[in-house]
Structures are given as structure tokens and as C-alpha cells.
């Protein structure tokens, strides 16, 4: 099964993927590997089920695909913490050459 969508780069998130509501359907009927606690910017602690998926980044125009290998996905146990946007964090960014320039972000394979 393959799930696709856009994501926001969140340099303050240590994990790989923090999904939105639409992406949760991909994880239905799967067993989490573990449950971990994540801290938020408001100093709250969020319990998350952790899943591992094979990740790929694809450019908007489809001209570039970057295979990320296994990536951890953190799904909050409490639905109140599931937002409208999917976030990708430093677990993914650390695998890439990343250039942050305001609203423009350039990601490419680690060279």
C-alpha cells in the first residue's frame, strides 16, 4: 500500500513523520512498534504510537525521488493532537542535504 501527500518541514521535531488525519488511514489495523512520549512547544507531553514505514520524498513536479529507507512515524494516542498538516522532522532531514531559505526549502540526497 502507498500513501502520498504534502508535508511541512519542522526542524523542531526530532522524529521522522507526524501524520495528519488523512494519513492515519494508512496505519489502520497495523500494530505499533512502541509507544513514546513527545514534548511539544507548549511543554505538553504527547503519547504516540510509533510505526516504521519505508519513506520516499517526491518533488512536486515528480522529477526527483529520494528513497529514505525506514522512517519512524509518530501517531498521537489522543486525537486532539492530530493536526491538519503532515510534518517531517530531523530524522528525515539528517539523511538529506537541506537548504532552508524562508518559505523555500530545498531537499536533496546527502552528498
PDB file of N, CA and C in Angstrom:
ATOM      1  N   UNK A   1       0.846  -1.174   0.000  1.00  0.00           N
ATOM      2  CA  UNK A   1       0.000   0.000   0.000  1.00  0.00           C
ATOM      3  C   UNK A   1       0.896   1.244   0.000  1.00  0.00           C
ATOM      4  N   UNK A   2       0.438   2.275  -0.663  1.00  0.00           N
ATOM      5  CA  UNK A   2       1.219   3.502  -0.773  1.00  0.00           C
ATOM      6  C   UNK A   2       0.351   4.687  -0.364  1.00  0.00           C
ATOM      7  N   UNK A   3       0.896   5.553   0.484  1.00  0.00           N
ATOM      8  CA  UNK A   3       0.202   6.773   0.893  1.00  0.00           C
ATOM      9  C   UNK A   3       1.029   7.962   0.412  1.00  0.00           C
ATOM     10  N   UNK A   4       0.369   8.970  -0.113  1.00  0.00           N
ATOM     11  CA  UNK A   4       1.081  10.150  -0.597  1.00  0.00           C
ATOM     12  C   UNK A   4       0.419  11.413  -0.070  1.00  0.00           C
ATOM     13  N   UNK A   5       1.179  12.490  -0.060  1.00  0.00           N
ATOM     14  CA  UNK A   5       0.652  13.779   0.361  1.00  0.00           C
ATOM     15  C   UNK A   5       1.781  14.771   0.556  1.00  0.00           C
ATOM     16  N   UNK A   6       1.418  15.994   0.824  1.00  0.00           N
ATOM     17  CA  UNK A   6       2.415  17.028   1.062  1.00  0.00           C
ATOM     18  C   UNK A   6       2.760  17.062   2.546  1.00  0.00           C
ATOM     19  N   UNK A   7       3.927  17.613   2.861  1.00  0.00           N
ATOM     20  CA  UNK A   7       4.370  17.690   4.251  1.00  0.00           C
ATOM     21  C   UNK A   7       5.102  19.001   4.478  1.00  0.00           C
ATOM     22  N   UNK A   8       5.096  19.412   5.725  1.00  0.00           N
ATOM     23  CA  UNK A   8       5.803  20.620   6.148  1.00  0.00           C
ATOM     24  C   UNK A   8       7.071  20.204   6.876  1.00  0.00           C
ATOM     25  N   UNK A   9       8.184  20.864   6.566  1.00  0.00           N
ATOM     26  CA  UNK A   9       9.441  20.613   7.258  1.00  0.00           C
ATOM     27  C   UNK A   9       9.380  21.288   8.625  1.00  0.00           C
ATOM     28  N   UNK A  10       9.594  20.509   9.678  1.00  0.00           N
ATOM     29  CA  UNK A  10       9.568  21.021  11.046  1.00  0.00           C
ATOM     30  C   UNK A  10      10.907  20.701  11.707  1.00  0.00           C
ATOM     31  N   UNK A  11      11.809  21.663  11.736  1.00  0.00           N
ATOM     32  CA  UNK A  11      13.149  21.440  12.287  1.00  0.00           C
ATOM     33  C   UNK A  11      13.134  21.237  13.794  1.00  0.00           C
ATOM     34  N   UNK A  12      12.029  21.529  14.460  1.00  0.00           N
ATOM     35  CA  UNK A  12      11.922  21.320  15.894  1.00  0.00           C
ATOM     36  C   UNK A  12      11.407  19.939  16.267  1.00  0.00           C
ATOM     37  N   UNK A  13      11.049  19.136  15.283  1.00  0.00           N
ATOM     38  CA  UNK A  13      10.540  17.781  15.507  1.00  0.00           C
ATOM     39  C   UNK A  13      11.676  16.802  15.281  1.00  0.00           C
ATOM     40  N   UNK A  14      12.032  16.027  16.312  1.00  0.00           N
ATOM     41  CA  UNK A  14      13.158  15.093  16.220  1.00  0.00           C
ATOM     42  C   UNK A  14      12.843  13.858  15.395  1.00  0.00           C
ATOM     43  N   UNK A  15      11.569  13.482  15.293  1.00  0.00           N
ATOM     44  CA  UNK A  15      11.182  12.243  14.634  1.00  0.00           C
ATOM     45  C   UNK A  15      11.166  12.337  13.125  1.00  0.00           C
ATOM     46  N   UNK A  16      10.597  11.305  12.504  1.00  0.00           N
ATOM     47  CA  UNK A  16      10.525  11.246  11.050  1.00  0.00           C
ATOM     48  C   UNK A  16       9.271  11.886  10.493  1.00  0.00           C
ATOM     49  N   UNK A  17       8.115  11.274  10.770  1.00  0.00           N
ATOM     50  CA  UNK A  17       6.843  11.762  10.232  1.00  0.00           C
ATOM     51  C   UNK A  17       5.831  11.892  11.373  1.00  0.00           C
ATOM     52  N   UNK A  18       5.104  12.999  11.368  1.00  0.00           N
ATOM     53  CA  UNK A  18       3.977  13.229  12.281  1.00  0.00           C
ATOM     54  C   UNK A  18       2.788  13.464  11.369  1.00  0.00           C
ATOM     55  N   UNK A  19       1.914  12.455  11.221  1.00  0.00           N
ATOM     56  CA  UNK A  19       0.900  12.494  10.158  1.00  0.00           C
ATOM     57  C   UNK A  19      -0.317  13.352  10.474  1.00  0.00           C
ATOM     58  N   UNK A  20      -1.018  13.718   9.398  1.00  0.00           N
ATOM     59  CA  UNK A  20      -2.315  14.373   9.539  1.00  0.00           C
ATOM     60  C   UNK A  20      -3.401  13.302   9.532  1.00  0.00           C
ATOM     61  N   UNK A  21      -4.643  13.714   9.640  1.00  0.00           N
ATOM     62  CA  UNK A  21      -5.768  12.789   9.739  1.00  0.00           C
ATOM     63  C   UNK A  21      -5.882  11.868   8.518  1.00  0.00           C
ATOM     64  N   UNK A  22      -5.666  12.417   7.318  1.00  0.00           N
ATOM     65  CA  UNK A  22      -5.798  11.616   6.101  1.00  0.00           C
ATOM     66  C   UNK A  22      -4.767  10.481   6.059  1.00  0.00           C
ATOM     67  N   UNK A  23      -3.565  10.728   6.549  1.00  0.00           N
ATOM     68  CA  UNK A  23      -2.509   9.720   6.505  1.00  0.00           C
ATOM     69  C   UNK A  23      -2.743   8.599   7.518  1.00  0.00           C
ATOM     70  N   UNK A  24      -3.537   8.857   8.534  1.00  0.00           N
ATOM     71  CA  UNK A  24      -3.795   7.841   9.561  1.00  0.00           C
ATOM     72  C   UNK A  24      -4.439   6.590   8.988  1.00  0.00           C
ATOM     73  N   UNK A  25      -5.206   6.743   7.931  1.00  0.00           N
ATOM     74  CA  UNK A  25      -5.883   5.592   7.316  1.00  0.00           C
ATOM     75  C   UNK A  25      -4.877   4.525   6.877  1.00  0.00           C
ATOM     76  N   UNK A  26      -3.671   4.952   6.516  1.00  0.00           N
ATOM     77  CA  UNK A  26      -2.620   4.045   6.083  1.00  0.00           C
ATOM     78  C   UNK A  26      -2.220   3.076   7.206  1.00  0.00           C
ATOM     79  N   UNK A  27      -2.399   3.485   8.451  1.00  0.00           N
ATOM     80  CA  UNK A  27      -1.935   2.709   9.602  1.00  0.00           C
ATOM     81  C   UNK A  27      -3.034   1.879  10.266  1.00  0.00           C
ATOM     82  N   UNK A  28      -4.258   1.956   9.744  1.00  0.00           N
ATOM     83  CA  UNK A  28      -5.350   1.173  10.307  1.00  0.00           C
ATOM     84  C   UNK A  28      -4.996  -0.306  10.277  1.00  0.00           C
ATOM     85  N   UNK A  29      -5.304  -0.993  11.360  1.00  0.00           N
ATOM     86  CA  UNK A  29      -5.086  -2.434  11.502  1.00  0.00           C
ATOM     87  C   UNK A  29      -3.621  -2.846  11.591  1.00  0.00           C
ATOM     88  N   UNK A  30      -2.702  -1.896  11.756  1.00  0.00           N
ATOM     89  CA  UNK A  30      -1.297  -2.222  11.972  1.00  0.00           C
ATOM     90  C   UNK A  30      -0.985  -2.100  13.460  1.00  0.00           C
ATOM     91  N   UNK A  31      -0.049  -2.889  13.920  1.00  0.00           N
ATOM     92  CA  UNK A  31       0.364  -2.835  15.319  1.00  0.00           C
ATOM     93  C   UNK A  31       1.577  -1.905  15.449  1.00  0.00           C
ATOM     94  N   UNK A  32       1.548  -0.996  16.421  1.00  0.00           N
ATOM     95  CA  UNK A  32       2.709  -0.113  16.616  1.00  0.00           C
ATOM     96  C   UNK A  32       3.897  -0.886  17.152  1.00  0.00           C
ATOM     97  N   UNK A  33       5.094  -0.382  16.859  1.00  0.00           N
ATOM     98  CA  UNK A  33       6.317  -0.986  17.387  1.00  0.00           C
ATOM     99  C   UNK A  33       6.502  -0.651  18.860  1.00  0.00           C
ATOM    100  N   UNK A  34       6.078   0.559  19.233  1.00  0.00           N
ATOM    101  CA  UNK A  34       6.252   1.017  20.607  1.00  0.00           C
ATOM    102  C   UNK A  34       5.357   2.226  20.843  1.00  0.00           C
ATOM    103  N   UNK A  35       5.377   2.713  22.072  1.00  0.00           N
ATOM    104  CA  UNK A  35       4.729   3.968  22.421  1.00  0.00           C
ATOM    105  C   UNK A  35       5.805   4.851  23.032  1.00  0.00           C
ATOM    106  N   UNK A  36       5.928   6.076  22.518  1.00  0.00           N
ATOM    107  CA  UNK A  36       6.930   7.014  23.024  1.00  0.00           C
ATOM    108  C   UNK A  36       6.260   8.325  23.387  1.00  0.00           C
ATOM    109  N   UNK A  37       6.913   9.058  24.248  1.00  0.00           N
ATOM    110  CA  UNK A  37       6.419  10.367  24.661  1.00  0.00           C
ATOM    111  C   UNK A  37       7.158  11.443  23.884  1.00  0.00           C
ATOM    112  N   UNK A  38       6.410  12.391  23.313  1.00  0.00           N
ATOM    113  CA  UNK A  38       6.997  13.523  22.597  1.00  0.00           C
ATOM    114  C   UNK A  38       6.665  14.796  23.358  1.00  0.00           C
ATOM    115  N   UNK A  39       7.637  15.688  23.442  1.00  0.00           N
ATOM    116  CA  UNK A  39       7.385  17.003  24.023  1.00  0.00           C
ATOM    117  C   UNK A  39       6.915  17.953  22.945  1.00  0.00           C
ATOM    118  N   UNK A  40       6.067  18.912  23.321  1.00  0.00           N
ATOM    119  CA  UNK A  40       5.578  19.910  22.383  1.00  0.00           C
ATOM    120  C   UNK A  40       6.178  21.262  22.713  1.00  0.00           C
ATOM    121  N   UNK A  41       5.980  22.220  21.839  1.00  0.00           N
ATOM    122  CA  UNK A  41       6.487  23.577  22.089  1.00  0.00           C
ATOM    123  C   UNK A  41       5.800  24.221  23.280  1.00  0.00           C
ATOM    124  N   UNK A  42       4.607  23.749  23.631  1.00  0.00           N
ATOM    125  CA  UNK A  42       3.900  24.289  24.797  1.00  0.00           C
ATOM    126  C   UNK A  42       4.206  23.469  26.058  1.00  0.00           C
ATOM    127  N   UNK A  43       5.268  22.664  25.998  1.00  0.00           N
ATOM    128  CA  UNK A  43       5.759  21.857  27.120  1.00  0.00           C
ATOM    129  C   UNK A  43       4.790  20.769  27.561  1.00  0.00           C
ATOM    130  N   UNK A  44       3.871  20.383  26.692  1.00  0.00           N
ATOM    131  CA  UNK A  44       2.993  19.253  26.964  1.00  0.00           C
ATOM    132  C   UNK A  44       3.713  17.979  26.536  1.00  0.00           C
ATOM    133  N   UNK A  45       3.303  16.859  27.105  1.00  0.00           N
ATOM    134  CA  UNK A  45       3.830  15.560  26.714  1.00  0.00           C
ATOM    135  C   UNK A  45       2.718  14.811  25.988  1.00  0.00           C
ATOM    136  N   UNK A  46       3.043  14.293  24.801  1.00  0.00           N
ATOM    137  CA  UNK A  46       2.067  13.593  23.966  1.00  0.00           C
ATOM    138  C   UNK A  46       2.517  12.141  23.806  1.00  0.00           C
ATOM    139  N   UNK A  47       1.660  11.202  24.202  1.00  0.00           N
ATOM    140  CA  UNK A  47       1.932   9.787  23.970  1.00  0.00           C
ATOM    141  C   UNK A  47       1.648   9.473  22.508  1.00  0.00           C
ATOM    142  N   UNK A  48       2.619   8.835  21.847  1.00  0.00           N
ATOM    143  CA  UNK A  48       2.471   8.498  20.427  1.00  0.00           C
ATOM    144  C   UNK A  48       2.789   7.031  20.184  1.00  0.00           C
ATOM    145  N   UNK A  49       1.970   6.399  19.368  1.00  0.00           N
ATOM    146  CA  UNK A  49       2.311   5.080  18.863  1.00  0.00           C
ATOM    147  C   UNK A  49       3.336   5.284  17.757  1.00  0.00           C
ATOM    148  N   UNK A  50       4.339   4.421  17.717  1.00  0.00           N
ATOM    149  CA  UNK A  50       5.415   4.559  16.737  1.00  0.00           C
ATOM    150  C   UNK A  50       5.345   3.395  15.755  1.00  0.00           C
ATOM    151  N   UNK A  51       5.356   3.740  14.476  1.00  0.00           N
ATOM    152  CA  UNK A  51       5.340   2.778  13.386  1.00  0.00           C
ATOM    153  C   UNK A  51       6.564   3.043  12.513  1.00  0.00           C
ATOM    154  N   UNK A  52       7.020   2.034  11.793  1.00  0.00           N
ATOM    155  CA  UNK A  52       8.106   2.207  10.838  1.00  0.00           C
ATOM    156  C   UNK A  52       7.562   1.938   9.441  1.00  0.00           C
ATOM    157  N   UNK A  53       7.863   2.859   8.525  1.00  0.00           N
ATOM    158  CA  UNK A  53       7.454   2.700   7.127  1.00  0.00           C
ATOM    159  C   UNK A  53       8.657   2.981   6.233  1.00  0.00           C
ATOM    160  N   UNK A  54       8.601   2.513   5.006  1.00  0.00           N
ATOM    161  CA  UNK A  54       9.605   2.878   4.013  1.00  0.00           C
ATOM    162  C   UNK A  54       9.156   4.190   3.401  1.00  0.00           C
ATOM    163  N   UNK A  55      10.011   5.212   3.500  1.00  0.00           N
ATOM    164  CA  UNK A  55       9.641   6.541   3.042  1.00  0.00           C
ATOM    165  C   UNK A  55      10.345   6.953   1.768  1.00  0.00           C
ATOM    166  N   UNK A  56       9.660   7.774   1.002  1.00  0.00           N
ATOM    167  CA  UNK A  56      10.216   8.361  -0.220  1.00  0.00           C
ATOM    168  C   UNK A  56       9.741   9.803  -0.297  1.00  0.00           C
ATOM    169  N   UNK A  57      10.651  10.712  -0.590  1.00  0.00           N
ATOM    170  CA  UNK A  57      10.271  12.090  -0.881  1.00  0.00           C
ATOM    171  C   UNK A  57      10.193  12.238  -2.387  1.00  0.00           C
ATOM    172  N   UNK A  58       9.128  12.867  -2.853  1.00  0.00           N
ATOM    173  CA  UNK A  58       8.949  13.092  -4.292  1.00  0.00           C
ATOM    174  C   UNK A  58       8.718  14.580  -4.498  1.00  0.00           C
ATOM    175  N   UNK A  59       9.448  15.175  -5.431  1.00  0.00           N
ATOM    176  CA  UNK A  59       9.273  16.599  -5.707  1.00  0.00           C
ATOM    177  C   UNK A  59       7.868  16.856  -6.236  1.00  0.00           C
ATOM    178  N   UNK A  60       7.416  18.075  -6.088  1.00  0.00           N
ATOM    179  CA  UNK A  60       6.053  18.445  -6.502  1.00  0.00           C
ATOM    180  C   UNK A  60       5.809  18.095  -7.962  1.00  0.00           C
ATOM    181  N   UNK A  61       6.803  18.313  -8.819  1.00  0.00           N
ATOM    182  CA  UNK A  61       6.619  18.029 -10.248  1.00  0.00           C
ATOM    183  C   UNK A  61       6.939  16.578 -10.616  1.00  0.00           C
ATOM    184  N   UNK A  62       7.350  15.782  -9.615  1.00  0.00           N
ATOM    185  CA  UNK A  62       7.624  14.364  -9.852  1.00  0.00           C
ATOM    186  C   UNK A  62       8.964  14.082 -10.502  1.00  0.00           C
ATOM    187  N   UNK A  63       9.794  15.089 -10.665  1.00  0.00           N
ATOM    188  CA  UNK A  63      11.064  14.890 -11.366  1.00  0.00           C
ATOM    189  C   UNK A  63      12.167  14.298 -10.489  1.00  0.00           C
ATOM    190  N   UNK A  64      11.985  14.298  -9.158  1.00  0.00           N
ATOM    191  CA  UNK A  64      13.013  13.797  -8.249  1.00  0.00           C
ATOM    192  C   UNK A  64      12.362  12.931  -7.177  1.00  0.00           C
ATOM    193  N   UNK A  65      12.931  11.742  -6.963  1.00  0.00           N
ATOM    194  CA  UNK A  65      12.502  10.865  -5.877  1.00  0.00           C
ATOM    195  C   UNK A  65      13.711  10.525  -5.036  1.00  0.00           C
ATOM    196  N   UNK A  66      13.540  10.634  -3.710  1.00  0.00           N
ATOM    197  CA  UNK A  66      14.612  10.309  -2.779  1.00  0.00           C
ATOM    198  C   UNK A  66      14.113   9.211  -1.857  1.00  0.00           C
ATOM    199  N   UNK A  67      14.726   8.029  -1.946  1.00  0.00           N
ATOM    200  CA  UNK A  67      14.357   6.915  -1.080  1.00  0.00           C
ATOM    201  C   UNK A  67      14.974   7.162   0.293  1.00  0.00           C
ATOM    202  N   UNK A  68      14.150   7.180   1.327  1.00  0.00           N
ATOM    203  CA  UNK A  68      14.615   7.452   2.689  1.00  0.00           C
ATOM    204  C   UNK A  68      14.862   6.189   3.498  1.00  0.00           C
ATOM    205  N   UNK A  69      14.447   5.040   2.974  1.00  0.00           N
ATOM    206  CA  UNK A  69      14.538   3.813   3.762  1.00  0.00           C
ATOM    207  C   UNK A  69      13.504   3.840   4.867  1.00  0.00           C
ATOM    208  N   UNK A  70      13.825   3.175   5.975  1.00  0.00           N
ATOM    209  CA  UNK A  70      12.879   3.117   7.086  1.00  0.00           C
ATOM    210  C   UNK A  70      12.795   4.453   7.811  1.00  0.00           C
ATOM    211  N   UNK A  71      11.583   4.883   8.071  1.00  0.00           N
ATOM    212  CA  UNK A  71      11.310   6.157   8.747  1.00  0.00           C
ATOM    213  C   UNK A  71      10.282   5.896   9.848  1.00  0.00           C
ATOM    214  N   UNK A  72      10.518   6.466  11.027  1.00  0.00           N
ATOM    215  CA  UNK A  72       9.555   6.331  12.118  1.00  0.00           C
ATOM    216  C   UNK A  72       8.417   7.328  11.935  1.00  0.00           C
ATOM    217  N   UNK A  73       7.203   6.834  12.179  1.00  0.00           N
ATOM    218  CA  UNK A  73       6.002   7.668  12.132  1.00  0.00           C
ATOM    219  C   UNK A  73       5.378   7.667  13.520  1.00  0.00           C
ATOM    220  N   UNK A  74       5.083   8.865  14.030  1.00  0.00           N
ATOM    221  CA  UNK A  74       4.566   9.047  15.385  1.00  0.00           C
ATOM    222  C   UNK A  74       3.097   9.460  15.315  1.00  0.00           C
ATOM    223  N   UNK A  75       2.214   8.599  15.827  1.00  0.00           N
ATOM    224  CA  UNK A  75       0.780   8.880  15.790  1.00  0.00           C
ATOM    225  C   UNK A  75       0.294   9.107  17.218  1.00  0.00           C
ATOM    226  N   UNK A  76      -0.197  10.316  17.512  1.00  0.00           N
ATOM    227  CA  UNK A  76      -0.681  10.598  18.866  1.00  0.00           C
ATOM    228  C   UNK A  76      -1.834   9.669  19.265  1.00  0.00           C
ATOM    229  N   UNK A  77      -1.791   9.193  20.503  1.00  0.00           N
ATOM    230  CA  UNK A  77      -2.863   8.357  21.034  1.00  0.00           C
ATOM    231  C   UNK A  77      -4.128   9.196  21.203  1.00  0.00           C
ATOM    232  N   UNK A  78      -3.966  10.436  21.624  1.00  0.00           N
ATOM    233  CA  UNK A  78      -5.096  11.355  21.802  1.00  0.00           C
ATOM    234  C   UNK A  78      -5.349  12.087  20.479  1.00  0.00           C
ATOM    235  N   UNK A  79      -6.513  11.884  19.852  1.00  0.00           N
ATOM    236  CA  UNK A  79      -6.804  12.521  18.560  1.00  0.00           C
ATOM    237  C   UNK A  79      -6.749  14.050  18.578  1.00  0.00           C
ATOM    238  N   UNK A  80      -6.818  14.648  19.748  1.00  0.00           N
ATOM    239  CA  UNK A  80      -6.753  16.107  19.843  1.00  0.00           C
ATOM    240  C   UNK A  80      -5.410  16.645  19.348  1.00  0.00           C
ATOM    241  N   UNK A  81      -4.383  15.800  19.323  1.00  0.00           N
ATOM    242  CA  UNK A  81      -3.049  16.229  18.894  1.00  0.00           C
ATOM    243  C   UNK A  81      -2.767  15.952  17.421  1.00  0.00           C
ATOM    244  N   UNK A  82      -3.762  15.525  16.678  1.00  0.00           N
ATOM    245  CA  UNK A  82      -3.581  15.270  15.244  1.00  0.00           C
ATOM    246  C   UNK A  82      -3.993  16.526  14.490  1.00  0.00           C
ATOM    247  N   UNK A  83      -3.036  17.101  13.770  1.00  0.00           N
ATOM    248  CA  UNK A  83      -3.293  18.344  13.061  1.00  0.00           C
ATOM    249  C   UNK A  83      -3.706  18.136  11.621  1.00  0.00           C
ATOM    250  N   UNK A  84      -3.836  19.241  10.916  1.00  0.00           N
ATOM    251  CA  UNK A  84      -4.233  19.204   9.508  1.00  0.00           C
ATOM    252  C   UNK A  84      -3.048  18.974   8.581  1.00  0.00           C
ATOM    253  N   UNK A  85      -1.841  19.214   9.073  1.00  0.00           N
ATOM    254  CA  UNK A  85      -0.642  19.094   8.241  1.00  0.00           C
ATOM    255  C   UNK A  85       0.201  17.900   8.668  1.00  0.00           C
ATOM    256  N   UNK A  86       0.819  17.252   7.698  1.00  0.00           N
ATOM    257  CA  UNK A  86       1.818  16.228   7.984  1.00  0.00           C
ATOM    258  C   UNK A  86       3.156  16.935   8.141  1.00  0.00           C
ATOM    259  N   UNK A  87       3.912  16.532   9.158  1.00  0.00           N
ATOM    260  CA  UNK A  87       5.224  17.131   9.405  1.00  0.00           C
ATOM    261  C   UNK A  87       6.319  16.113   9.142  1.00  0.00           C
ATOM    262  N   UNK A  88       7.430  16.573   8.601  1.00  0.00           N
ATOM    263  CA  UNK A  88       8.632  15.742   8.544  1.00  0.00           C
ATOM    264  C   UNK A  88       9.682  16.434   9.392  1.00  0.00           C
ATOM    265  N   UNK A  89      10.373  15.618  10.186  1.00  0.00           N
ATOM    266  CA  UNK A  89      11.321  16.165  11.145  1.00  0.00           C
ATOM    267  C   UNK A  89      12.761  15.812  10.860  1.00  0.00           C
ATOM    268  N   UNK A  90      13.587  15.998  11.877  1.00  0.00           N
ATOM    269  CA  UNK A  90      15.034  15.878  11.706  1.00  0.00           C
ATOM    270  C   UNK A  90      15.513  14.471  11.390  1.00  0.00           C
ATOM    271  N   UNK A  91      14.752  13.436  11.775  1.00  0.00           N
ATOM    272  CA  UNK A  91      15.164  12.080  11.396  1.00  0.00           C
ATOM    273  C   UNK A  91      15.307  11.988   9.880  1.00  0.00           C
ATOM    274  N   UNK A  92      14.400  12.641   9.167  1.00  0.00           N
ATOM    275  CA  UNK A  92      14.475  12.665   7.700  1.00  0.00           C
ATOM    276  C   UNK A  92      15.488  13.702   7.230  1.00  0.00           C
ATOM    277  N   UNK A  93      15.434  14.887   7.797  1.00  0.00           N
ATOM    278  CA  UNK A  93      16.332  15.963   7.364  1.00  0.00           C
ATOM    279  C   UNK A  93      17.799  15.583   7.515  1.00  0.00           C
ATOM    280  N   UNK A  94      18.126  14.802   8.545  1.00  0.00           N
ATOM    281  CA  UNK A  94      19.518  14.402   8.760  1.00  0.00           C
ATOM    282  C   UNK A  94      20.025  13.434   7.697  1.00  0.00           C
ATOM    283  N   UNK A  95      19.132  12.860   6.920  1.00  0.00           N
ATOM    284  CA  UNK A  95      19.524  11.966   5.828  1.00  0.00           C
ATOM    285  C   UNK A  95      19.757  12.733   4.525  1.00  0.00           C
ATOM    286  N   UNK A  96      19.482  14.041   4.541  1.00  0.00           N
ATOM    287  CA  UNK A  96      19.481  14.833   3.317  1.00  0.00           C
ATOM    288  C   UNK A  96      20.378  16.056   3.429  1.00  0.00           C
ATOM    289  N   UNK A  97      20.757  16.568   2.281  1.00  0.00           N
ATOM    290  CA  UNK A  97      21.333  17.900   2.214  1.00  0.00           C
ATOM    291  C   UNK A  97      20.129  18.843   2.206  1.00  0.00           C
ATOM    292  N   UNK A  98      20.057  19.715   3.201  1.00  0.00           N
ATOM    293  CA  UNK A  98      18.889  20.569   3.378  1.00  0.00           C
ATOM    294  C   UNK A  98      19.294  22.031   3.345  1.00  0.00           C
ATOM    295  N   UNK A  99      18.627  22.809   2.522  1.00  0.00           N
ATOM    296  CA  UNK A  99      18.851  24.251   2.459  1.00  0.00           C
ATOM    297  C   UNK A  99      17.542  24.926   2.834  1.00  0.00           C
ATOM    298  N   UNK A 100      17.548  25.657   3.960  1.00  0.00           N
ATOM    299  CA  UNK A 100      16.358  26.367   4.413  1.00  0.00           C
ATOM    300  C   UNK A 100      16.534  27.839   4.082  1.00  0.00           C
ATOM    301  N   UNK A 101      15.552  28.389   3.381  1.00  0.00           N
ATOM    302  CA  UNK A 101      15.612  29.782   2.963  1.00  0.00           C
ATOM    303  C   UNK A 101      14.214  30.365   3.066  1.00  0.00           C
ATOM    304  N   UNK A 102      13.821  30.726   4.292  1.00  0.00           N
ATOM    305  CA  UNK A 102      12.473  31.262   4.492  1.00  0.00           C
ATOM    306  C   UNK A 102      11.434  30.217   4.171  1.00  0.00           C
ATOM    307  N   UNK A 103      10.485  30.549   3.320  1.00  0.00           N
ATOM    308  CA  UNK A 103       9.428  29.615   2.962  1.00  0.00           C
ATOM    309  C   UNK A 103       9.891  28.604   1.927  1.00  0.00           C
ATOM    310  N   UNK A 104      11.056  28.829   1.339  1.00  0.00           N
ATOM    311  CA  UNK A 104      11.588  27.905   0.332  1.00  0.00           C
ATOM    312  C   UNK A 104      12.566  26.941   0.989  1.00  0.00           C
ATOM    313  N   UNK A 105      12.344  25.661   0.795  1.00  0.00           N
ATOM    314  CA  UNK A 105      13.226  24.634   1.322  1.00  0.00           C
ATOM    315  C   UNK A 105      13.658  23.749   0.176  1.00  0.00           C
ATOM    316  N   UNK A 106      14.942  23.442   0.131  1.00  0.00           N
ATOM    317  CA  UNK A 106      15.464  22.569  -0.918  1.00  0.00           C
ATOM    318  C   UNK A 106      16.025  21.318  -0.242  1.00  0.00           C
ATOM    319  N   UNK A 107      15.523  20.155  -0.644  1.00  0.00           N
ATOM    320  CA  UNK A 107      15.991  18.892  -0.119  1.00  0.00           C
ATOM    321  C   UNK A 107      16.602  18.087  -1.239  1.00  0.00           C
ATOM    322  N   UNK A 108      17.740  17.472  -0.984  1.00  0.00           N
ATOM    323  CA  UNK A 108      18.363  16.625  -1.999  1.00  0.00           C
ATOM    324  C   UNK A 108      19.126  15.514  -1.288  1.00  0.00           C
ATOM    325  N   UNK A 109      19.449  14.436  -2.014  1.00  0.00           N
ATOM    326  CA  UNK A 109      20.180  13.340  -1.382  1.00  0.00           C
ATOM    327  C   UNK A 109      21.472  13.854  -0.749  1.00  0.00           C
ATOM    328  N   UNK A 110      21.859  13.244   0.356  1.00  0.00           N
ATOM    329  CA  UNK A 110      23.089  13.631   1.069  1.00  0.00           C
ATOM    330  C   UNK A 110      24.268  13.391   0.154  1.00  0.00           C
ATOM    331  N   UNK A 111      25.060  14.402  -0.080  1.00  0.00           N
ATOM    332  CA  UNK A 111      26.202  14.281  -0.979  1.00  0.00           C
ATOM    333  C   UNK A 111      27.483  14.350  -0.194  1.00  0.00           C
TER     334      UNK A 111
END
